[in-house]
Amino acid sequence: MGKYMFGKIKLFVTLIVLSAFLAVSAVAQDNQMRTLTAGQKYKIKGTVVATDNDSIVVRDITGVDTRVNIAQNTSIKTNSFWGSGNSYPTTAIVRGLLLEVEGRGDTSGSLAANKVRFDKSDLEVAQSIDTRVAPAEQRITAAEQNAERISGQIDELMAISNAARGGAKAAQETADAAIAGVNATNQRISSLDDYVVQTTSTVNFKVGSAILSPEAKQQLDEVATAAMTLRGYYIEITGFASADGGEKANKLLSERRAKAVIDYMIQTHNVPLRRIGQSYGYGELQAVADNTTREGRAENRRVEVKLMVSRGLNQNVEVRTTTDSTEPSTDSSTTEPPSSESEQE
């Protein structure tokens, strides 16, 4: 019984050593790699931390790594007090071997070795460890299972439990995502009648006139073009007049101006009637400038055209408001005679 327990303890200790060696090897790439000067002689003593075909990485006592390239004519021998030691092939050099390398720096910043020396006892220890490390690296899962059996732990059951919890969490996340999708759809449906202003354009008129100037038509062309790129758009049109003349006449004039804009949008751009809201003429109400000045009255003779979009159909639409106005036209070909009832100047 005692011999059996001793064997288990010895195997357990061996696995601990292997685990530590694997951890050191895993961080080998994180250490600083020395760059050597081409042609300069170097003698480096340290431990092999990585091997790759005809090159090795040696880490010195300060923790700095050096890449060493080994050629066919490189002398690889054990240290000996009596003459020359035994020669070894490149494949004999394994991780964990304490050795001393001499050579010159090459053009890649590595050491081109011409001489490699180590103690035979160090080689035996390193080879003994390497025979255990290689299988452990190739089949780390099997090594973990052996460690579990030796230590008497029930990690496998814990893994199953964790997997079950992970599956439950994934299922919950899927359910949450489905609920979020339903909520988003419901929100979008409820937002179908929620319109937001995309652009606002202002067209101006001459005194007592409801005729669109060329500048006004150009602005309306831009509004119609922009509307065709949107889904669920809606156009709101409101007319206004300056405070000159009779209040009742100015209200009728503002309605005529709004109607002129609607007629142009429908007849020129085939904007569907369902896309245009019921227009309204405010007359001289809601002035945007001072009616006591010529410039102010010119700004108040206007129609505001608001291009709006459904928030539900345009979830990513940018809500912005831009007011564009033009100066009153001076083209005599589009001028109506001043009305005797409104906007006399």
Protein backbone atom coordinates (compact mmCIF):
# COMPACT_ATOMS: atom_id res chain seq x y z
CA MET A 1 0.00 0.00 0.00
CA GLY A 2 2.86 2.40 0.93
CA LYS A 3 4.64 1.70 -2.35
CA TYR A 4 1.44 2.40 -4.28
CA MET A 5 0.92 5.75 -2.54
CA PHE A 6 4.57 6.68 -3.13
CA GLY A 7 4.09 6.00 -6.83
CA LYS A 8 1.03 8.24 -6.96
CA ILE A 9 2.84 11.05 -5.15
CA LYS A 10 5.84 10.78 -7.47
CA LEU A 11 3.63 10.93 -10.55
CA PHE A 12 1.74 13.90 -9.11
CA VAL A 13 4.99 15.81 -8.48
CA THR A 14 6.12 15.04 -12.01
CA LEU A 15 2.92 16.54 -13.41
CA ILE A 16 3.44 19.66 -11.31
CA VAL A 17 6.96 20.05 -12.76
CA LEU A 18 5.58 19.54 -16.25
CA SER A 19 2.90 22.16 -15.68
CA ALA A 20 5.47 24.67 -14.47
CA PHE A 21 7.69 23.95 -17.47
CA LEU A 22 4.76 24.39 -19.84
CA ALA A 23 3.94 27.73 -18.22
CA VAL A 24 7.52 28.92 -18.71
CA SER A 25 7.47 27.80 -22.35
CA ALA A 26 4.14 29.54 -22.96
CA VAL A 27 5.52 32.94 -22.02
CA ALA A 28 8.80 32.46 -23.94
CA GLN A 29 7.54 34.70 -26.73
CA ASP A 30 6.74 37.52 -24.32
CA ASN A 31 10.40 38.04 -23.27
CA GLN A 32 12.71 40.57 -24.86
CA MET A 33 14.59 39.18 -27.88
CA ARG A 34 18.21 40.40 -28.17
CA THR A 35 19.36 41.81 -31.53
CA LEU A 36 23.03 41.07 -32.22
CA THR A 37 25.51 43.06 -34.29
CA ALA A 38 26.47 41.32 -37.52
CA GLY A 39 30.06 40.01 -37.50
CA GLN A 40 30.65 40.56 -33.79
CA LYS A 41 31.75 37.65 -31.57
CA TYR A 42 29.45 36.54 -28.76
CA LYS A 43 29.50 33.95 -25.98
CA ILE A 44 26.09 33.34 -24.41
CA LYS A 45 25.21 31.07 -21.51
CA GLY A 46 21.64 30.22 -20.68
CA THR A 47 18.75 27.79 -20.88
CA VAL A 48 17.03 26.62 -24.08
CA VAL A 49 13.42 27.79 -23.98
CA ALA A 50 12.36 27.01 -27.58
CA THR A 51 13.54 24.91 -30.54
CA ASP A 52 12.59 25.29 -34.20
CA ASN A 53 14.29 23.13 -36.85
CA ASP A 54 17.86 24.47 -37.07
CA SER A 55 17.48 27.27 -34.54
CA ILE A 56 16.97 27.55 -30.78
CA VAL A 57 16.14 30.36 -28.33
CA VAL A 58 18.47 30.71 -25.34
CA ARG A 59 17.44 32.74 -22.28
CA ASP A 60 20.25 34.09 -20.11
CA ILE A 61 20.16 34.73 -16.36
CA THR A 62 18.77 38.27 -16.92
CA GLY A 63 15.74 36.89 -18.77
CA VAL A 64 16.79 38.17 -22.22
CA ASP A 65 16.35 35.78 -25.15
CA THR A 66 18.77 35.20 -28.04
CA ARG A 67 17.94 33.30 -31.22
CA VAL A 68 20.74 30.93 -32.17
CA ASN A 69 21.06 29.45 -35.66
CA ILE A 70 22.84 26.08 -35.84
CA ALA A 71 24.52 25.00 -39.07
CA GLN A 72 25.75 21.58 -40.17
CA ASN A 73 29.33 22.45 -39.27
CA THR A 74 28.44 23.74 -35.79
CA SER A 75 30.39 21.83 -33.10
CA ILE A 76 27.91 20.38 -30.58
CA LYS A 77 29.66 18.54 -27.75
CA THR A 78 29.54 17.87 -24.04
CA ASN A 79 32.06 19.49 -21.68
CA SER A 80 34.99 17.25 -20.75
CA PHE A 81 38.01 17.50 -18.48
CA TRP A 82 39.91 14.95 -20.61
CA GLY A 83 40.11 16.05 -24.21
CA SER A 84 37.09 16.51 -26.44
CA GLY A 85 33.62 15.52 -25.27
CA ASN A 86 31.02 13.49 -27.13
CA SER A 87 29.45 15.00 -30.26
CA TYR A 88 25.67 15.31 -30.64
CA PRO A 89 23.28 16.17 -33.47
CA THR A 90 21.13 19.30 -33.43
CA THR A 91 18.10 17.22 -32.48
CA ALA A 92 19.72 16.40 -29.14
CA ILE A 93 19.27 19.98 -27.97
CA VAL A 94 15.95 20.19 -26.13
CA ARG A 95 14.18 22.76 -23.98
CA GLY A 96 15.46 23.08 -20.48
CA LEU A 97 19.08 22.35 -21.44
CA LEU A 98 21.65 24.65 -19.81
CA LEU A 99 24.37 25.34 -22.38
CA GLU A 100 26.99 27.81 -23.62
CA VAL A 101 27.06 29.04 -27.21
CA GLU A 102 29.82 30.83 -29.12
CA GLY A 103 29.55 32.44 -32.52
CA ARG A 104 29.04 35.66 -34.45
CA GLY A 105 26.01 37.86 -35.07
CA ASP A 106 24.40 37.42 -38.47
CA THR A 107 22.44 39.81 -40.69
CA SER A 108 19.14 38.82 -39.06
CA GLY A 109 20.29 39.86 -35.57
CA SER A 110 20.63 36.23 -34.46
CA LEU A 111 23.72 34.30 -33.39
CA ALA A 112 25.33 32.05 -35.98
CA ALA A 113 26.75 29.39 -33.69
CA ASN A 114 30.05 27.64 -34.36
CA LYS A 115 30.35 26.02 -30.93
CA VAL A 116 27.78 24.62 -28.48
CA ARG A 117 28.81 23.11 -25.14
CA PHE A 118 26.88 21.60 -22.22
CA ASP A 119 27.27 19.12 -19.40
CA LYS A 120 26.14 15.57 -20.03
CA SER A 121 24.20 15.51 -16.76
CA ASP A 122 22.27 18.65 -17.80
CA LEU A 123 21.44 17.02 -21.11
CA GLU A 124 20.08 13.92 -19.42
CA VAL A 125 17.86 15.98 -17.12
CA ALA A 126 16.58 18.14 -19.99
CA GLN A 127 15.88 15.11 -22.20
CA SER A 128 14.08 13.40 -19.34
CA ILE A 129 11.81 16.41 -18.88
CA ASP A 130 11.29 16.85 -22.63
CA THR A 131 10.06 13.29 -23.04
CA ARG A 132 7.26 14.21 -20.66
CA VAL A 133 6.62 17.74 -21.92
CA ALA A 134 6.08 16.86 -25.59
CA PRO A 135 3.20 14.42 -25.03
CA ALA A 136 1.71 16.83 -22.51
CA GLU A 137 1.71 19.63 -25.08
CA GLN A 138 0.19 17.44 -27.77
CA ARG A 139 -2.53 16.04 -25.57
CA ILE A 140 -3.10 18.55 -22.81
CA THR A 141 -6.65 17.31 -22.28
CA ALA A 142 -5.43 13.81 -21.44
CA ALA A 143 -2.85 15.24 -19.02
CA GLU A 144 -5.53 17.25 -17.24
CA GLN A 145 -7.70 14.14 -16.91
CA ASN A 146 -4.78 12.21 -15.39
CA ALA A 147 -4.15 15.05 -12.93
CA GLU A 148 -7.82 15.01 -11.98
CA ARG A 149 -7.76 11.29 -11.27
CA ILE A 150 -4.52 11.57 -9.26
CA SER A 151 -5.70 14.51 -7.16
CA GLY A 152 -9.11 12.95 -6.59
CA GLN A 153 -10.93 16.06 -7.74
CA ILE A 154 -14.23 16.09 -9.54
CA ASP A 155 -13.41 18.74 -12.12
CA GLU A 156 -15.28 16.82 -14.78
CA LEU A 157 -18.52 17.18 -12.84
CA MET A 158 -17.80 20.86 -12.33
CA ALA A 159 -17.22 21.26 -16.07
CA ILE A 160 -20.55 19.60 -16.77
CA SER A 161 -22.22 21.90 -14.27
CA ASN A 162 -20.58 24.95 -15.82
CA ALA A 163 -21.63 23.81 -19.28
CA ALA A 164 -25.20 23.44 -18.06
CA ARG A 165 -25.11 26.94 -16.59
CA GLY A 166 -23.58 28.25 -19.82
CA GLY A 167 -26.34 26.60 -21.84
CA ALA A 168 -29.00 28.13 -19.59
CA LYS A 169 -27.36 31.54 -19.94
CA ALA A 170 -27.23 31.20 -23.73
CA ALA A 171 -30.90 30.20 -23.78
CA GLN A 172 -31.78 33.21 -21.62
CA GLU A 173 -29.79 35.52 -23.88
CA THR A 174 -31.62 34.11 -26.91
CA ALA A 175 -34.96 34.69 -25.21
CA ASP A 176 -33.95 38.22 -24.23
CA ALA A 177 -32.91 38.94 -27.81
CA ALA A 178 -36.26 37.66 -29.09
CA ILE A 179 -38.15 39.84 -26.61
CA ALA A 180 -36.03 42.83 -27.59
CA GLY A 181 -36.86 42.19 -31.24
CA VAL A 182 -40.58 42.04 -30.49
CA ASN A 183 -40.38 45.24 -28.47
CA ALA A 184 -38.49 46.97 -31.27
CA THR A 185 -41.10 45.86 -33.79
CA ASN A 186 -43.93 47.08 -31.56
CA GLN A 187 -42.14 50.38 -31.09
CA ARG A 188 -41.70 50.76 -34.81
CA ILE A 189 -45.37 50.02 -35.46
CA SER A 190 -46.43 52.56 -32.84
CA SER A 191 -44.11 55.12 -34.48
CA LEU A 192 -45.66 54.84 -37.94
CA ASP A 193 -47.81 57.92 -37.29
CA ASP A 194 -45.01 59.78 -35.55
CA TYR A 195 -43.64 62.25 -38.10
CA VAL A 196 -40.45 64.24 -37.66
CA VAL A 197 -39.32 67.24 -39.70
CA GLN A 198 -36.55 66.34 -42.14
CA THR A 199 -36.19 69.69 -43.95
CA THR A 200 -37.95 73.06 -43.99
CA SER A 201 -37.90 75.29 -47.07
CA THR A 202 -39.32 78.80 -47.39
CA VAL A 203 -40.39 80.35 -50.71
CA ASN A 204 -41.18 84.06 -50.94
CA PHE A 205 -43.61 86.07 -53.05
CA LYS A 206 -43.98 89.57 -54.39
CA VAL A 207 -46.47 92.05 -52.98
CA GLY A 208 -50.02 90.84 -53.44
CA SER A 209 -48.84 87.91 -55.59
CA ALA A 210 -49.38 84.17 -55.43
CA ILE A 211 -47.20 83.39 -58.47
CA LEU A 212 -44.12 81.24 -57.93
CA SER A 213 -40.83 82.85 -58.95
CA PRO A 214 -38.11 80.80 -60.74
CA GLU A 215 -36.16 80.73 -57.47
CA ALA A 216 -39.21 79.41 -55.61
CA LYS A 217 -39.74 76.67 -58.21
CA GLN A 218 -36.11 75.62 -57.91
CA GLN A 219 -36.50 75.26 -54.14
CA LEU A 220 -39.64 73.17 -54.58
CA ASP A 221 -37.81 70.98 -57.13
CA GLU A 222 -35.20 70.23 -54.46
CA VAL A 223 -37.87 69.36 -51.90
CA ALA A 224 -39.60 66.98 -54.34
CA THR A 225 -36.29 65.30 -55.24
CA ALA A 226 -35.43 64.78 -51.59
CA ALA A 227 -38.90 63.40 -50.85
CA MET A 228 -38.55 60.68 -53.49
CA THR A 229 -35.58 59.21 -51.59
CA LEU A 230 -37.59 58.73 -48.39
CA ARG A 231 -40.16 56.21 -47.27
CA GLY A 232 -43.35 57.37 -45.62
CA TYR A 233 -42.76 61.08 -46.31
CA TYR A 234 -45.36 63.77 -45.72
CA ILE A 235 -45.36 67.39 -46.90
CA GLU A 236 -46.88 70.17 -44.79
CA ILE A 237 -47.57 73.47 -46.60
CA THR A 238 -48.59 76.73 -44.86
CA GLY A 239 -49.00 80.19 -46.38
CA PHE A 240 -48.42 83.63 -44.86
CA ALA A 241 -48.76 87.30 -45.76
CA SER A 242 -47.36 90.59 -44.53
CA ALA A 243 -49.46 92.92 -42.34
CA ASP A 244 -50.19 95.46 -45.07
CA GLY A 245 -53.78 95.62 -46.23
CA GLY A 246 -56.88 94.04 -44.79
CA GLU A 247 -56.63 91.09 -42.45
CA LYS A 248 -59.28 89.07 -44.26
CA ALA A 249 -57.74 89.71 -47.66
CA ASN A 250 -54.30 88.74 -46.41
CA LYS A 251 -55.65 85.43 -45.12
CA LEU A 252 -57.16 84.62 -48.52
CA LEU A 253 -53.89 85.62 -50.19
CA SER A 254 -51.90 83.31 -47.93
CA GLU A 255 -54.23 80.44 -48.83
CA ARG A 256 -53.74 81.15 -52.56
CA ARG A 257 -49.97 81.06 -52.07
CA ALA A 258 -50.18 77.69 -50.31
CA LYS A 259 -52.39 76.35 -53.09
CA ALA A 260 -49.91 77.54 -55.72
CA VAL A 261 -47.20 75.47 -54.05
CA ILE A 262 -49.45 72.40 -53.86
CA ASP A 263 -50.41 72.73 -57.53
CA TYR A 264 -46.76 72.93 -58.55
CA MET A 265 -45.76 69.87 -56.49
CA ILE A 266 -48.63 67.79 -57.92
CA GLN A 267 -48.56 68.97 -61.55
CA THR A 268 -44.77 69.17 -61.97
CA HIS A 269 -43.53 66.33 -59.78
CA ASN A 270 -46.60 64.04 -59.54
CA VAL A 271 -46.51 64.11 -55.74
CA PRO A 272 -49.46 61.95 -54.60
CA LEU A 273 -52.28 63.79 -52.84
CA ARG A 274 -51.97 61.47 -49.85
CA ARG A 275 -48.43 62.81 -49.32
CA ILE A 276 -49.64 66.40 -48.92
CA GLY A 277 -51.40 67.44 -45.77
CA GLN A 278 -54.28 69.86 -45.60
CA SER A 279 -52.74 73.27 -46.26
CA TYR A 280 -53.58 76.35 -44.26
CA GLY A 281 -53.22 80.08 -44.76
CA TYR A 282 -52.30 82.04 -41.62
CA GLY A 283 -52.60 85.45 -43.24
CA GLU A 284 -50.51 88.01 -41.41
CA LEU A 285 -50.25 85.84 -38.27
CA GLN A 286 -46.97 84.22 -37.18
CA ALA A 287 -44.75 86.85 -38.75
CA VAL A 288 -41.05 85.96 -38.84
CA ALA A 289 -39.83 89.54 -39.33
CA ASP A 290 -40.75 93.12 -38.50
CA ASN A 291 -43.74 94.29 -40.58
CA THR A 292 -42.78 97.95 -40.09
CA THR A 293 -39.83 97.58 -42.49
CA ARG A 294 -39.74 96.81 -46.21
CA GLU A 295 -37.29 93.94 -45.65
CA GLY A 296 -39.41 92.48 -42.86
CA ARG A 297 -42.57 92.55 -44.95
CA ALA A 298 -40.73 90.83 -47.80
CA GLU A 299 -39.75 87.96 -45.46
CA ASN A 300 -43.32 87.58 -44.20
CA ARG A 301 -44.73 87.11 -47.74
CA ARG A 302 -43.93 83.39 -47.76
CA VAL A 303 -44.96 79.75 -47.85
CA GLU A 304 -43.25 77.26 -45.56
CA VAL A 305 -42.80 73.72 -46.92
CA LYS A 306 -41.91 71.09 -44.34
CA LEU A 307 -40.75 67.67 -45.53
CA MET A 308 -41.49 65.16 -42.77
CA VAL A 309 -40.88 61.43 -42.46
CA SER A 310 -42.42 58.63 -40.46
CA ARG A 311 -40.17 57.67 -37.57
CA GLY A 312 -41.48 54.11 -37.74
CA LEU A 313 -40.49 53.63 -41.40
CA ASN A 314 -37.21 55.52 -41.10
CA GLN A 315 -35.59 54.32 -37.89
CA ASN A 316 -32.19 55.79 -38.76
CA VAL A 317 -33.37 59.07 -40.25
CA GLU A 318 -31.50 62.15 -39.11
CA VAL A 319 -33.89 64.80 -37.79
CA ARG A 320 -32.75 68.19 -38.94
CA THR A 321 -34.32 71.53 -39.76
CA THR A 322 -32.91 73.88 -42.37
CA THR A 323 -34.65 77.11 -43.36
CA ASP A 324 -33.91 78.35 -46.86
CA SER A 325 -35.37 81.61 -48.06
CA THR A 326 -34.98 83.60 -51.24
CA GLU A 327 -35.16 87.30 -51.82
CA PRO A 328 -38.38 88.65 -53.40
CA SER A 329 -38.29 88.22 -57.16
CA THR A 330 -37.89 91.25 -59.42
CA ASP A 331 -38.93 89.43 -62.59
CA SER A 332 -41.70 91.60 -64.07
CA SER A 333 -43.03 88.71 -66.13
CA THR A 334 -44.32 86.99 -62.97
CA THR A 335 -45.77 90.03 -61.24
CA GLU A 336 -49.49 90.34 -60.55
CA PRO A 337 -51.10 93.75 -60.13
CA PRO A 338 -51.22 94.74 -56.45
CA SER A 339 -54.50 93.89 -54.78
CA SER A 340 -56.58 96.77 -53.55
CA GLU A 341 -57.45 94.73 -50.49
CA SER A 342 -54.10 93.43 -49.29
CA GLU A 343 -50.36 94.03 -48.97
CA GLN A 344 -50.38 97.57 -50.41
CA GLU A 345 -46.98 99.26 -50.34
